[in-house]
Amino acid sequence: MLGVVTALIPRLLLIIVVALRETQARNDVRSTNRGHTLPYNILVVLPAKESNNDKFGLTIERARPVIDIAVEDVVKSGRMPAGWVNLTFWDDRYWEDTNLAERYATVGMVKAYCEHRLDAILGFADSYGLATVTKVSAGLNGGVPVLTTAGMPSVLNMKKSYPFLTRMQGSYRQLAVSMYQLIAYQDPTETPMLWNSSSISLNYLKMMFFYHDKKRAINKPPKDGESQESDVSSSHCYFSLYAIKNYFTENSKVFKREWQLNTPSFPFDEELPRTRDTTRQWLSEVSMETNDLWRRKARLNVDYMLLDHLICDFNEIIRLLKDYVEILIEILVDLLMI
């Protein structure tokens, strides 16, 4: 992930160069209106230290060499003269506190703006800080462009709220589109022929979201006194599944009906200690909840005396399925306990 993210940084600077040239071209005609002179001031917002909070592994010290090389490449290619950019690196302290990183990032932007050192913003490992800074910076100097290799939550797609945001890796909605084509049940009567991929889709209908999220985890320790749930940030797993849920319900009447009241989910905190038996129990519950054969058998009220031969066959199928599920659970337990 880090290699992909850092490889995109030169492209970010190239986009800034293009934007700067357009600004200079406008200044040739309107030199008295927002005239811009070099150097171009770029604020880089990233955490100064590594931490478990940063799932992208981005820090100032890791990004700085890549940015320096990109700046040199722009000069060597003749796109801009030497000294064309002034870089300011700002620690958003995401490594210290995920809840306060949003505040520190905003303070850094306001400080740069007050010192007349804000023409563009790069960076961010924190989606909450990115969202706030992008909203506020849109009202400064007619709009300050924000470019990031992170920021994949689909809520950032809203151009009205984030008009100057450019995300180099897209959003989780693209993941949702792929998952819909791969696993979702697609009713051929409601799917256009050109987009009907039911022939290659697994056509799953009974699904449950089994994911890491501290904010909603079923195994989080109880809090004394007032609830502190709002102080915990949602995880990247939550944001990705939120995008999947929205896309499924937007494009399928079946999923809109199935998930109308509640989306089946099993959030847990993967960072808290747990036993192998606990993990096995969780996976068994998820498997049973999404196994439609078990659900139907529990709900149907049939005369087993008249359908004895059918029940025997059915029980044999259930036994085989149970053995198969237990094998899968053992494999998943081994993977989760690594």
C-alpha atoms as a PDB file:
ATOM      1  CA  MET A   1       0.000   0.000   0.000  1.00  0.00           C
ATOM      2  CA  LEU A   2       2.791   2.421   0.904  1.00  0.00           C
ATOM      3  CA  GLY A   3       4.562   1.791  -2.412  1.00  0.00           C
ATOM      4  CA  VAL A   4       1.416   2.541  -4.378  1.00  0.00           C
ATOM      5  CA  VAL A   5       0.694   5.666  -2.375  1.00  0.00           C
ATOM      6  CA  THR A   6       4.202   7.109  -2.663  1.00  0.00           C
ATOM      7  CA  ALA A   7       4.337   6.310  -6.366  1.00  0.00           C
ATOM      8  CA  LEU A   8       1.362   8.615  -6.884  1.00  0.00           C
ATOM      9  CA  ILE A   9       3.031  11.648  -5.295  1.00  0.00           C
ATOM     10  CA  PRO A  10       4.859  12.747  -8.495  1.00  0.00           C
ATOM     11  CA  ARG A  11       1.496  12.759 -10.270  1.00  0.00           C
ATOM     12  CA  LEU A  12       0.113  15.021  -7.569  1.00  0.00           C
ATOM     13  CA  LEU A  13       2.861  17.557  -8.213  1.00  0.00           C
ATOM     14  CA  LEU A  14       2.303  17.328 -11.960  1.00  0.00           C
ATOM     15  CA  ILE A  15      -1.363  18.202 -11.422  1.00  0.00           C
ATOM     16  CA  ILE A  16      -0.282  21.190  -9.331  1.00  0.00           C
ATOM     17  CA  VAL A  17       2.084  22.306 -12.098  1.00  0.00           C
ATOM     18  CA  VAL A  18      -0.759  22.194 -14.622  1.00  0.00           C
ATOM     19  CA  ALA A  19      -2.990  24.193 -12.260  1.00  0.00           C
ATOM     20  CA  LEU A  20      -0.195  26.711 -11.702  1.00  0.00           C
ATOM     21  CA  ARG A  21       0.331  27.189 -15.437  1.00  0.00           C
ATOM     22  CA  GLU A  22      -3.385  27.836 -15.887  1.00  0.00           C
ATOM     23  CA  THR A  23      -3.202  30.412 -13.100  1.00  0.00           C
ATOM     24  CA  GLN A  24      -0.224  32.100 -14.748  1.00  0.00           C
ATOM     25  CA  ALA A  25      -2.039  32.148 -18.083  1.00  0.00           C
ATOM     26  CA  ARG A  26      -4.986  33.893 -16.461  1.00  0.00           C
ATOM     27  CA  ASN A  27      -2.619  36.340 -14.800  1.00  0.00           C
ATOM     28  CA  ASP A  28      -1.258  37.392 -18.211  1.00  0.00           C
ATOM     29  CA  VAL A  29      -4.733  38.749 -18.939  1.00  0.00           C
ATOM     30  CA  ARG A  30      -5.730  39.779 -15.422  1.00  0.00           C
ATOM     31  CA  SER A  31      -2.435  40.661 -13.793  1.00  0.00           C
ATOM     32  CA  THR A  32      -4.144  42.873 -11.194  1.00  0.00           C
ATOM     33  CA  ASN A  33      -6.655  40.209 -10.173  1.00  0.00           C
ATOM     34  CA  ARG A  34      -5.190  37.580  -7.876  1.00  0.00           C
ATOM     35  CA  GLY A  35      -1.792  37.848  -9.531  1.00  0.00           C
ATOM     36  CA  HIS A  36       0.432  34.929  -8.536  1.00  0.00           C
ATOM     37  CA  THR A  37       4.214  34.927  -8.276  1.00  0.00           C
ATOM     38  CA  LEU A  38       6.605  32.082  -7.528  1.00  0.00           C
ATOM     39  CA  PRO A  39       7.315  30.239  -5.334  1.00  0.00           C
ATOM     40  CA  TYR A  40       4.157  28.170  -5.194  1.00  0.00           C
ATOM     41  CA  ASN A  41       3.273  27.436  -1.552  1.00  0.00           C
ATOM     42  CA  ILE A  42       2.246  23.855  -0.809  1.00  0.00           C
ATOM     43  CA  LEU A  43       1.218  22.591   2.627  1.00  0.00           C
ATOM     44  CA  VAL A  44       1.905  18.876   3.225  1.00  0.00           C
ATOM     45  CA  VAL A  45      -0.231  17.459   6.055  1.00  0.00           C
ATOM     46  CA  LEU A  46       0.886  14.063   7.372  1.00  0.00           C
ATOM     47  CA  PRO A  47       1.671  12.408  10.720  1.00  0.00           C
ATOM     48  CA  ALA A  48       5.263  12.784  11.881  1.00  0.00           C
ATOM     49  CA  LYS A  49       5.423   9.306  13.425  1.00  0.00           C
ATOM     50  CA  GLU A  50       4.239   5.818  12.589  1.00  0.00           C
ATOM     51  CA  SER A  51       1.365   4.374  14.592  1.00  0.00           C
ATOM     52  CA  ASN A  52      -1.340   1.763  14.458  1.00  0.00           C
ATOM     53  CA  ASN A  53      -3.809   4.558  13.712  1.00  0.00           C
ATOM     54  CA  ASP A  54      -2.340   5.073  10.251  1.00  0.00           C
ATOM     55  CA  LYS A  55      -3.311   2.102   8.089  1.00  0.00           C
ATOM     56  CA  PHE A  56      -1.525   3.556   5.047  1.00  0.00           C
ATOM     57  CA  GLY A  57       1.894   3.760   6.706  1.00  0.00           C
ATOM     58  CA  LEU A  58       2.402   7.346   5.550  1.00  0.00           C
ATOM     59  CA  THR A  59       4.614   9.704   7.532  1.00  0.00           C
ATOM     60  CA  ILE A  60       6.364  12.974   6.780  1.00  0.00           C
ATOM     61  CA  GLU A  61       9.805  11.365   6.698  1.00  0.00           C
ATOM     62  CA  ARG A  62       8.655   8.677   4.274  1.00  0.00           C
ATOM     63  CA  ALA A  63       6.923  11.092   1.940  1.00  0.00           C
ATOM     64  CA  ARG A  64       9.547  13.867   1.992  1.00  0.00           C
ATOM     65  CA  PRO A  65      12.196  12.096  -0.190  1.00  0.00           C
ATOM     66  CA  VAL A  66       9.589  11.164  -2.795  1.00  0.00           C
ATOM     67  CA  ILE A  67       8.261  14.728  -2.922  1.00  0.00           C
ATOM     68  CA  ASP A  68      11.804  16.133  -3.205  1.00  0.00           C
ATOM     69  CA  ILE A  69      12.552  13.841  -6.156  1.00  0.00           C
ATOM     70  CA  ALA A  70       9.272  14.825  -7.807  1.00  0.00           C
ATOM     71  CA  VAL A  71      10.126  18.525  -7.417  1.00  0.00           C
ATOM     72  CA  GLU A  72      13.536  17.929  -9.018  1.00  0.00           C
ATOM     73  CA  ASP A  73      11.948  16.003 -11.897  1.00  0.00           C
ATOM     74  CA  VAL A  74       9.606  18.922 -12.607  1.00  0.00           C
ATOM     75  CA  VAL A  75      12.608  21.268 -12.828  1.00  0.00           C
ATOM     76  CA  LYS A  76      14.706  18.884 -14.955  1.00  0.00           C
ATOM     77  CA  SER A  77      11.835  18.387 -17.393  1.00  0.00           C
ATOM     78  CA  GLY A  78      11.660  22.135 -17.940  1.00  0.00           C
ATOM     79  CA  ARG A  79       8.085  22.453 -16.740  1.00  0.00           C
ATOM     80  CA  MET A  80       9.036  24.886 -13.982  1.00  0.00           C
ATOM     81  CA  PRO A  81      12.168  26.833 -12.984  1.00  0.00           C
ATOM     82  CA  ALA A  82      14.296  26.029  -9.948  1.00  0.00           C
ATOM     83  CA  GLY A  83      12.797  27.225  -6.685  1.00  0.00           C
ATOM     84  CA  TRP A  84       9.277  27.093  -8.085  1.00  0.00           C
ATOM     85  CA  VAL A  85       7.780  25.543  -4.957  1.00  0.00           C
ATOM     86  CA  ASN A  86       7.910  26.205  -1.226  1.00  0.00           C
ATOM     87  CA  LEU A  87       6.980  23.117   0.819  1.00  0.00           C
ATOM     88  CA  THR A  88       5.721  23.309   4.402  1.00  0.00           C
ATOM     89  CA  PHE A  89       5.372  19.998   6.257  1.00  0.00           C
ATOM     90  CA  TRP A  90       2.795  19.941   9.048  1.00  0.00           C
ATOM     91  CA  ASP A  91       2.353  17.188  11.639  1.00  0.00           C
ATOM     92  CA  ASP A  92      -1.350  16.485  12.162  1.00  0.00           C
ATOM     93  CA  ARG A  93      -0.464  14.353  15.217  1.00  0.00           C
ATOM     94  CA  TYR A  94      -2.555  11.463  13.939  1.00  0.00           C
ATOM     95  CA  TRP A  95      -0.083   9.181  15.688  1.00  0.00           C
ATOM     96  CA  GLU A  96      -1.039  10.706  19.049  1.00  0.00           C
ATOM     97  CA  ASP A  97      -4.831  10.973  18.922  1.00  0.00           C
ATOM     98  CA  THR A  98      -7.187  10.052  16.091  1.00  0.00           C
ATOM     99  CA  ASN A  99      -9.883  12.338  17.455  1.00  0.00           C
ATOM    100  CA  LEU A 100      -7.712  15.449  17.682  1.00  0.00           C
ATOM    101  CA  ALA A 101      -5.872  14.961  14.369  1.00  0.00           C
ATOM    102  CA  GLU A 102      -8.740  16.680  12.585  1.00  0.00           C
ATOM    103  CA  ARG A 103      -8.229  19.767  14.761  1.00  0.00           C
ATOM    104  CA  TYR A 104      -4.443  19.849  14.326  1.00  0.00           C
ATOM    105  CA  ALA A 105      -4.745  19.510  10.539  1.00  0.00           C
ATOM    106  CA  THR A 106      -7.196  22.418  10.396  1.00  0.00           C
ATOM    107  CA  VAL A 107      -4.937  24.562  12.584  1.00  0.00           C
ATOM    108  CA  GLY A 108      -2.043  23.923  10.206  1.00  0.00           C
ATOM    109  CA  MET A 109      -4.127  25.020   7.226  1.00  0.00           C
ATOM    110  CA  VAL A 110      -5.349  28.206   8.962  1.00  0.00           C
ATOM    111  CA  LYS A 111      -1.805  29.053  10.080  1.00  0.00           C
ATOM    112  CA  ALA A 112      -0.454  28.696   6.533  1.00  0.00           C
ATOM    113  CA  TYR A 113      -3.331  30.774   5.163  1.00  0.00           C
ATOM    114  CA  CYS A 114      -2.766  33.607   7.652  1.00  0.00           C
ATOM    115  CA  GLU A 115       0.932  33.636   6.729  1.00  0.00           C
ATOM    116  CA  HIS A 116       0.071  33.771   2.996  1.00  0.00           C
ATOM    117  CA  ARG A 117       1.664  30.358   2.384  1.00  0.00           C
ATOM    118  CA  LEU A 118      -1.311  28.409   1.078  1.00  0.00           C
ATOM    119  CA  ASP A 119      -1.758  27.708  -2.637  1.00  0.00           C
ATOM    120  CA  ALA A 120      -2.369  23.948  -2.450  1.00  0.00           C
ATOM    121  CA  ILE A 121      -2.507  21.137   0.108  1.00  0.00           C
ATOM    122  CA  LEU A 122      -1.084  17.602  -0.137  1.00  0.00           C
ATOM    123  CA  GLY A 123      -1.112  14.550   2.093  1.00  0.00           C
ATOM    124  CA  PHE A 124      -3.481  13.194   4.768  1.00  0.00           C
ATOM    125  CA  ALA A 125      -3.657   9.749   6.285  1.00  0.00           C
ATOM    126  CA  ASP A 126      -6.798  10.705   8.231  1.00  0.00           C
ATOM    127  CA  SER A 127     -10.120  10.845   6.375  1.00  0.00           C
ATOM    128  CA  TYR A 128     -11.786  12.988   9.041  1.00  0.00           C
ATOM    129  CA  GLY A 129      -9.041  15.616   8.907  1.00  0.00           C
ATOM    130  CA  LEU A 130      -9.101  15.514   5.122  1.00  0.00           C
ATOM    131  CA  ALA A 131     -12.860  16.112   5.051  1.00  0.00           C
ATOM    132  CA  THR A 132     -12.732  19.107   7.404  1.00  0.00           C
ATOM    133  CA  VAL A 133      -9.732  20.758   5.745  1.00  0.00           C
ATOM    134  CA  THR A 134     -11.234  20.270   2.282  1.00  0.00           C
ATOM    135  CA  LYS A 135     -14.533  21.848   3.330  1.00  0.00           C
ATOM    136  CA  VAL A 136     -12.891  24.874   4.941  1.00  0.00           C
ATOM    137  CA  SER A 137     -10.209  25.416   2.280  1.00  0.00           C
ATOM    138  CA  ALA A 138     -12.900  25.615  -0.405  1.00  0.00           C
ATOM    139  CA  GLY A 139     -13.820  29.024   1.014  1.00  0.00           C
ATOM    140  CA  LEU A 140     -10.278  30.435   1.091  1.00  0.00           C
ATOM    141  CA  ASN A 141      -8.812  32.433  -1.805  1.00  0.00           C
ATOM    142  CA  GLY A 142     -11.593  31.280  -4.084  1.00  0.00           C
ATOM    143  CA  GLY A 143     -10.798  27.663  -3.291  1.00  0.00           C
ATOM    144  CA  VAL A 144      -7.552  25.872  -2.410  1.00  0.00           C
ATOM    145  CA  PRO A 145      -6.941  22.551  -4.231  1.00  0.00           C
ATOM    146  CA  VAL A 146      -6.435  19.522  -1.995  1.00  0.00           C
ATOM    147  CA  LEU A 147      -4.735  16.450  -3.455  1.00  0.00           C
ATOM    148  CA  THR A 148      -4.406  13.155  -1.608  1.00  0.00           C
ATOM    149  CA  THR A 149      -3.497   9.520  -2.092  1.00  0.00           C
ATOM    150  CA  ALA A 150      -5.938   8.571   0.695  1.00  0.00           C
ATOM    151  CA  GLY A 151      -9.509   9.716   1.360  1.00  0.00           C
ATOM    152  CA  MET A 152     -11.383   6.727  -0.050  1.00  0.00           C
ATOM    153  CA  PRO A 153     -14.687   6.936   1.920  1.00  0.00           C
ATOM    154  CA  SER A 154     -17.498   7.371  -0.590  1.00  0.00           C
ATOM    155  CA  VAL A 155     -18.968  10.342   1.317  1.00  0.00           C
ATOM    156  CA  LEU A 156     -16.080  12.395  -0.100  1.00  0.00           C
ATOM    157  CA  ASN A 157     -17.610  11.929  -3.564  1.00  0.00           C
ATOM    158  CA  MET A 158     -19.943  14.874  -2.916  1.00  0.00           C
ATOM    159  CA  LYS A 159     -18.530  17.655  -5.080  1.00  0.00           C
ATOM    160  CA  LYS A 160     -20.764  20.277  -3.508  1.00  0.00           C
ATOM    161  CA  SER A 161     -19.093  19.742  -0.134  1.00  0.00           C
ATOM    162  CA  TYR A 162     -15.611  18.927  -1.445  1.00  0.00           C
ATOM    163  CA  PRO A 163     -15.308  20.846  -4.741  1.00  0.00           C
ATOM    164  CA  PHE A 164     -11.502  21.145  -4.806  1.00  0.00           C
ATOM    165  CA  LEU A 165     -10.604  17.621  -3.669  1.00  0.00           C
ATOM    166  CA  THR A 166      -8.683  15.273  -5.977  1.00  0.00           C
ATOM    167  CA  ARG A 167      -8.162  11.666  -4.860  1.00  0.00           C
ATOM    168  CA  MET A 168      -5.534   9.733  -6.777  1.00  0.00           C
ATOM    169  CA  GLN A 169      -6.825   6.301  -5.740  1.00  0.00           C
ATOM    170  CA  GLY A 170     -10.537   6.883  -6.226  1.00  0.00           C
ATOM    171  CA  SER A 171     -13.005   5.774  -3.572  1.00  0.00           C
ATOM    172  CA  TYR A 172     -14.517   2.716  -1.947  1.00  0.00           C
ATOM    173  CA  ARG A 173     -17.473   3.071  -4.305  1.00  0.00           C
ATOM    174  CA  GLN A 174     -15.300   1.558  -7.026  1.00  0.00           C
ATOM    175  CA  LEU A 175     -14.784  -1.421  -4.733  1.00  0.00           C
ATOM    176  CA  ALA A 176     -18.549  -1.580  -4.240  1.00  0.00           C
ATOM    177  CA  VAL A 177     -19.130  -1.736  -7.998  1.00  0.00           C
ATOM    178  CA  SER A 178     -16.696  -4.652  -8.303  1.00  0.00           C
ATOM    179  CA  MET A 179     -18.250  -6.518  -5.382  1.00  0.00           C
ATOM    180  CA  TYR A 180     -21.729  -6.046  -6.817  1.00  0.00           C
ATOM    181  CA  GLN A 181     -20.649  -7.537 -10.130  1.00  0.00           C
ATOM    182  CA  LEU A 182     -18.852 -10.409  -8.411  1.00  0.00           C
ATOM    183  CA  ILE A 183     -21.115 -11.653  -5.616  1.00  0.00           C
ATOM    184  CA  ALA A 184     -24.489  -9.877  -5.543  1.00  0.00           C
ATOM    185  CA  TYR A 185     -27.741 -11.489  -6.549  1.00  0.00           C
ATOM    186  CA  GLN A 186     -28.897  -9.681  -9.668  1.00  0.00           C
ATOM    187  CA  ASP A 187     -32.475 -10.064 -10.778  1.00  0.00           C
ATOM    188  CA  PRO A 188     -32.437 -10.338 -14.596  1.00  0.00           C
ATOM    189  CA  THR A 189     -35.879  -8.718 -14.746  1.00  0.00           C
ATOM    190  CA  GLU A 190     -34.596  -5.471 -13.252  1.00  0.00           C
ATOM    191  CA  THR A 191     -31.017  -5.412 -14.574  1.00  0.00           C
ATOM    192  CA  PRO A 192     -30.441  -3.957 -18.061  1.00  0.00           C
ATOM    193  CA  MET A 193     -29.179  -6.546 -20.510  1.00  0.00           C
ATOM    194  CA  LEU A 194     -25.911  -4.727 -21.154  1.00  0.00           C
ATOM    195  CA  TRP A 195     -25.144  -4.574 -17.434  1.00  0.00           C
ATOM    196  CA  ASN A 196     -26.575  -7.931 -16.416  1.00  0.00           C
ATOM    197  CA  SER A 197     -23.640  -9.940 -15.117  1.00  0.00           C
ATOM    198  CA  SER A 198     -25.736 -12.587 -13.348  1.00  0.00           C
ATOM    199  CA  SER A 199     -24.114 -15.213 -15.565  1.00  0.00           C
ATOM    200  CA  ILE A 200     -20.740 -14.555 -13.915  1.00  0.00           C
ATOM    201  CA  SER A 201     -21.916 -13.356 -10.502  1.00  0.00           C
ATOM    202  CA  LEU A 202     -22.073 -15.713  -7.527  1.00  0.00           C
ATOM    203  CA  ASN A 203     -25.618 -14.395  -6.977  1.00  0.00           C
ATOM    204  CA  TYR A 204     -25.426 -14.272  -3.186  1.00  0.00           C
ATOM    205  CA  LEU A 205     -28.454 -12.866  -1.392  1.00  0.00           C
ATOM    206  CA  LYS A 206     -27.924 -13.835   2.256  1.00  0.00           C
ATOM    207  CA  MET A 207     -24.831 -11.905   3.336  1.00  0.00           C
ATOM    208  CA  MET A 208     -23.433 -10.433   6.513  1.00  0.00           C
ATOM    209  CA  PHE A 209     -20.732  -7.802   7.008  1.00  0.00           C
ATOM    210  CA  PHE A 210     -18.047  -9.274   9.293  1.00  0.00           C
ATOM    211  CA  TYR A 211     -15.570  -6.481   9.889  1.00  0.00           C
ATOM    212  CA  HIS A 212     -13.243  -4.592  12.238  1.00  0.00           C
ATOM    213  CA  ASP A 213     -14.613  -1.404  13.765  1.00  0.00           C
ATOM    214  CA  LYS A 214     -13.856  -0.128  17.253  1.00  0.00           C
ATOM    215  CA  LYS A 215     -16.845   2.200  17.301  1.00  0.00           C
ATOM    216  CA  ARG A 216     -19.462  -0.548  16.871  1.00  0.00           C
ATOM    217  CA  ALA A 217     -17.564  -3.630  18.069  1.00  0.00           C
ATOM    218  CA  ILE A 218     -19.605  -6.214  19.949  1.00  0.00           C
ATOM    219  CA  ASN A 219     -16.560  -7.108  22.043  1.00  0.00           C
ATOM    220  CA  LYS A 220     -15.600  -3.602  23.141  1.00  0.00           C
ATOM    221  CA  PRO A 221     -15.268  -3.230  26.918  1.00  0.00           C
ATOM    222  CA  PRO A 222     -18.149  -1.488  28.722  1.00  0.00           C
ATOM    223  CA  LYS A 223     -17.664   2.178  29.563  1.00  0.00           C
ATOM    224  CA  ASP A 224     -18.184   3.580  33.030  1.00  0.00           C
ATOM    225  CA  GLY A 225     -20.564   6.504  33.177  1.00  0.00           C
ATOM    226  CA  GLU A 226     -21.328   8.441  30.010  1.00  0.00           C
ATOM    227  CA  SER A 227     -20.973   6.630  26.693  1.00  0.00           C
ATOM    228  CA  GLN A 228     -17.892   7.564  24.692  1.00  0.00           C
ATOM    229  CA  GLU A 229     -18.941   5.928  21.441  1.00  0.00           C
ATOM    230  CA  SER A 230     -18.903   9.225  19.545  1.00  0.00           C
ATOM    231  CA  ASP A 231     -15.223   9.714  20.453  1.00  0.00           C
ATOM    232  CA  VAL A 232     -14.151   6.678  18.429  1.00  0.00           C
ATOM    233  CA  SER A 233     -13.533   7.038  14.704  1.00  0.00           C
ATOM    234  CA  SER A 234     -15.080   4.636  12.223  1.00  0.00           C
ATOM    235  CA  SER A 235     -12.658   2.203  10.600  1.00  0.00           C
ATOM    236  CA  HIS A 236     -11.669   1.863   6.953  1.00  0.00           C
ATOM    237  CA  CYS A 237     -13.491  -1.483   7.008  1.00  0.00           C
ATOM    238  CA  TYR A 238     -16.691   0.310   7.985  1.00  0.00           C
ATOM    239  CA  PHE A 239     -16.313   2.941   5.263  1.00  0.00           C
ATOM    240  CA  SER A 240     -15.695   0.298   2.594  1.00  0.00           C
ATOM    241  CA  LEU A 241     -18.714  -1.778   3.639  1.00  0.00           C
ATOM    242  CA  TYR A 242     -20.837   1.364   3.937  1.00  0.00           C
ATOM    243  CA  ALA A 243     -20.072   2.068   0.284  1.00  0.00           C
ATOM    244  CA  ILE A 244     -20.939  -1.523  -0.643  1.00  0.00           C
ATOM    245  CA  LYS A 245     -24.232  -1.376   1.257  1.00  0.00           C
ATOM    246  CA  ASN A 246     -25.227   1.903  -0.409  1.00  0.00           C
ATOM    247  CA  TYR A 247     -24.368   0.695  -3.892  1.00  0.00           C
ATOM    248  CA  PHE A 248     -26.224  -2.601  -3.441  1.00  0.00           C
ATOM    249  CA  THR A 249     -29.402  -0.893  -2.212  1.00  0.00           C
ATOM    250  CA  GLU A 250     -29.211   1.789  -4.912  1.00  0.00           C
ATOM    251  CA  ASN A 251     -28.943  -0.737  -7.734  1.00  0.00           C
ATOM    252  CA  SER A 252     -31.094  -3.627  -6.534  1.00  0.00           C
ATOM    253  CA  LYS A 253     -34.701  -3.640  -5.380  1.00  0.00           C
ATOM    254  CA  VAL A 254     -34.020  -7.005  -3.772  1.00  0.00           C
ATOM    255  CA  PHE A 255     -31.260  -5.706  -1.491  1.00  0.00           C
ATOM    256  CA  LYS A 256     -33.195  -2.523  -0.814  1.00  0.00           C
ATOM    257  CA  ARG A 257     -36.027  -4.684   0.489  1.00  0.00           C
ATOM    258  CA  GLU A 258     -33.790  -7.156   2.357  1.00  0.00           C
ATOM    259  CA  TRP A 259     -31.766  -4.433   4.085  1.00  0.00           C
ATOM    260  CA  GLN A 260     -34.585  -1.934   4.552  1.00  0.00           C
ATOM    261  CA  LEU A 261     -34.743  -2.216   8.333  1.00  0.00           C
ATOM    262  CA  ASN A 262     -31.288  -3.507   9.150  1.00  0.00           C
ATOM    263  CA  THR A 263     -28.131  -4.466   7.295  1.00  0.00           C
ATOM    264  CA  PRO A 264     -26.794  -7.774   8.676  1.00  0.00           C
ATOM    265  CA  SER A 265     -23.457  -7.014  10.284  1.00  0.00           C
ATOM    266  CA  PHE A 266     -21.024  -8.357  12.865  1.00  0.00           C
ATOM    267  CA  PRO A 267     -18.505  -5.646  13.851  1.00  0.00           C
ATOM    268  CA  PHE A 268     -15.671  -6.541  16.193  1.00  0.00           C
ATOM    269  CA  ASP A 269     -12.433  -5.030  17.457  1.00  0.00           C
ATOM    270  CA  GLU A 270      -9.618  -7.108  16.000  1.00  0.00           C
ATOM    271  CA  GLU A 271      -7.057  -5.398  18.238  1.00  0.00           C
ATOM    272  CA  LEU A 272      -8.584  -6.684  21.484  1.00  0.00           C
ATOM    273  CA  PRO A 273      -7.386 -10.097  22.732  1.00  0.00           C
ATOM    274  CA  ARG A 274      -9.672 -13.037  22.051  1.00  0.00           C
ATOM    275  CA  THR A 275      -9.473 -16.795  22.296  1.00  0.00           C
ATOM    276  CA  ARG A 276      -9.600 -19.277  19.469  1.00  0.00           C
ATOM    277  CA  ASP A 277     -12.938 -20.545  20.768  1.00  0.00           C
ATOM    278  CA  THR A 278     -14.383 -17.020  20.677  1.00  0.00           C
ATOM    279  CA  THR A 279     -13.331 -16.572  17.068  1.00  0.00           C
ATOM    280  CA  ARG A 280     -14.810 -19.959  16.185  1.00  0.00           C
ATOM    281  CA  GLN A 281     -18.075 -19.012  17.904  1.00  0.00           C
ATOM    282  CA  TRP A 282     -18.289 -15.725  15.974  1.00  0.00           C
ATOM    283  CA  LEU A 283     -17.708 -17.423  12.646  1.00  0.00           C
ATOM    284  CA  SER A 284     -20.273 -20.094  13.494  1.00  0.00           C
ATOM    285  CA  GLU A 285     -22.873 -17.423  14.266  1.00  0.00           C
ATOM    286  CA  VAL A 286     -22.136 -15.611  11.018  1.00  0.00           C
ATOM    287  CA  SER A 287     -22.281 -18.859   9.072  1.00  0.00           C
ATOM    288  CA  MET A 288     -25.600 -19.882  10.609  1.00  0.00           C
ATOM    289  CA  GLU A 289     -27.120 -16.441  10.054  1.00  0.00           C
ATOM    290  CA  THR A 290     -26.239 -16.432   6.372  1.00  0.00           C
ATOM    291  CA  ASN A 291     -27.038 -20.113   5.748  1.00  0.00           C
ATOM    292  CA  ASP A 292     -30.500 -19.965   4.250  1.00  0.00           C
ATOM    293  CA  LEU A 293     -31.031 -23.735   4.479  1.00  0.00           C
ATOM    294  CA  TRP A 294     -30.774 -23.653   8.272  1.00  0.00           C
ATOM    295  CA  ARG A 295     -33.017 -20.608   8.476  1.00  0.00           C
ATOM    296  CA  ARG A 296     -35.715 -22.220   6.343  1.00  0.00           C
ATOM    297  CA  LYS A 297     -35.601 -25.461   8.281  1.00  0.00           C
ATOM    298  CA  ALA A 298     -36.118 -23.571  11.539  1.00  0.00           C
ATOM    299  CA  ARG A 299     -39.032 -21.579  10.161  1.00  0.00           C
ATOM    300  CA  LEU A 300     -40.932 -24.209   8.216  1.00  0.00           C
ATOM    301  CA  ASN A 301     -43.633 -26.104  10.070  1.00  0.00           C
ATOM    302  CA  VAL A 302     -44.012 -29.346   8.089  1.00  0.00           C
ATOM    303  CA  ASP A 303     -45.324 -32.814   8.750  1.00  0.00           C
ATOM    304  CA  TYR A 304     -42.116 -34.841   9.178  1.00  0.00           C
ATOM    305  CA  MET A 305     -44.084 -38.122   9.200  1.00  0.00           C
ATOM    306  CA  LEU A 306     -45.299 -37.545   5.649  1.00  0.00           C
ATOM    307  CA  LEU A 307     -41.939 -36.201   4.472  1.00  0.00           C
ATOM    308  CA  ASP A 308     -39.667 -38.654   6.247  1.00  0.00           C
ATOM    309  CA  HIS A 309     -37.655 -39.590   3.187  1.00  0.00           C
ATOM    310  CA  LEU A 310     -37.232 -35.912   2.292  1.00  0.00           C
ATOM    311  CA  ILE A 311     -36.100 -35.065   5.807  1.00  0.00           C
ATOM    312  CA  CYS A 312     -33.509 -37.829   5.720  1.00  0.00           C
ATOM    313  CA  ASP A 313     -32.071 -36.426   2.519  1.00  0.00           C
ATOM    314  CA  PHE A 314     -32.275 -32.926   3.905  1.00  0.00           C
ATOM    315  CA  ASN A 315     -30.481 -33.882   7.123  1.00  0.00           C
ATOM    316  CA  GLU A 316     -27.755 -35.549   5.120  1.00  0.00           C
ATOM    317  CA  ILE A 317     -27.276 -32.370   3.124  1.00  0.00           C
ATOM    318  CA  ILE A 318     -27.197 -30.346   6.316  1.00  0.00           C
ATOM    319  CA  ARG A 319     -24.638 -32.707   7.843  1.00  0.00           C
ATOM    320  CA  LEU A 320     -22.375 -32.362   4.826  1.00  0.00           C
ATOM    321  CA  LEU A 321     -22.810 -28.613   4.819  1.00  0.00           C
ATOM    322  CA  LYS A 322     -22.019 -28.456   8.518  1.00  0.00           C
ATOM    323  CA  ASP A 323     -18.810 -30.438   8.013  1.00  0.00           C
ATOM    324  CA  TYR A 324     -17.868 -28.150   5.159  1.00  0.00           C
ATOM    325  CA  VAL A 325     -18.590 -25.018   7.195  1.00  0.00           C
ATOM    326  CA  GLU A 326     -16.568 -26.327  10.145  1.00  0.00           C
ATOM    327  CA  ILE A 327     -13.576 -26.825   7.858  1.00  0.00           C
ATOM    328  CA  LEU A 328     -13.947 -23.282   6.533  1.00  0.00           C
ATOM    329  CA  ILE A 329     -14.267 -21.931  10.060  1.00  0.00           C
ATOM    330  CA  GLU A 330     -11.056 -23.676  11.113  1.00  0.00           C
ATOM    331  CA  ILE A 331      -9.249 -22.105   8.162  1.00  0.00           C
ATOM    332  CA  LEU A 332     -10.642 -18.649   8.967  1.00  0.00           C
ATOM    333  CA  VAL A 333      -9.753 -19.025  12.642  1.00  0.00           C
ATOM    334  CA  ASP A 334      -6.162 -19.813  11.694  1.00  0.00           C
ATOM    335  CA  LEU A 335      -6.050 -16.739   9.452  1.00  0.00           C
ATOM    336  CA  LEU A 336      -7.585 -14.406  12.046  1.00  0.00           C
ATOM    337  CA  MET A 337      -5.277 -15.632  14.814  1.00  0.00           C
ATOM    338  CA  ILE A 338      -2.126 -14.939  12.787  1.00  0.00           C
END
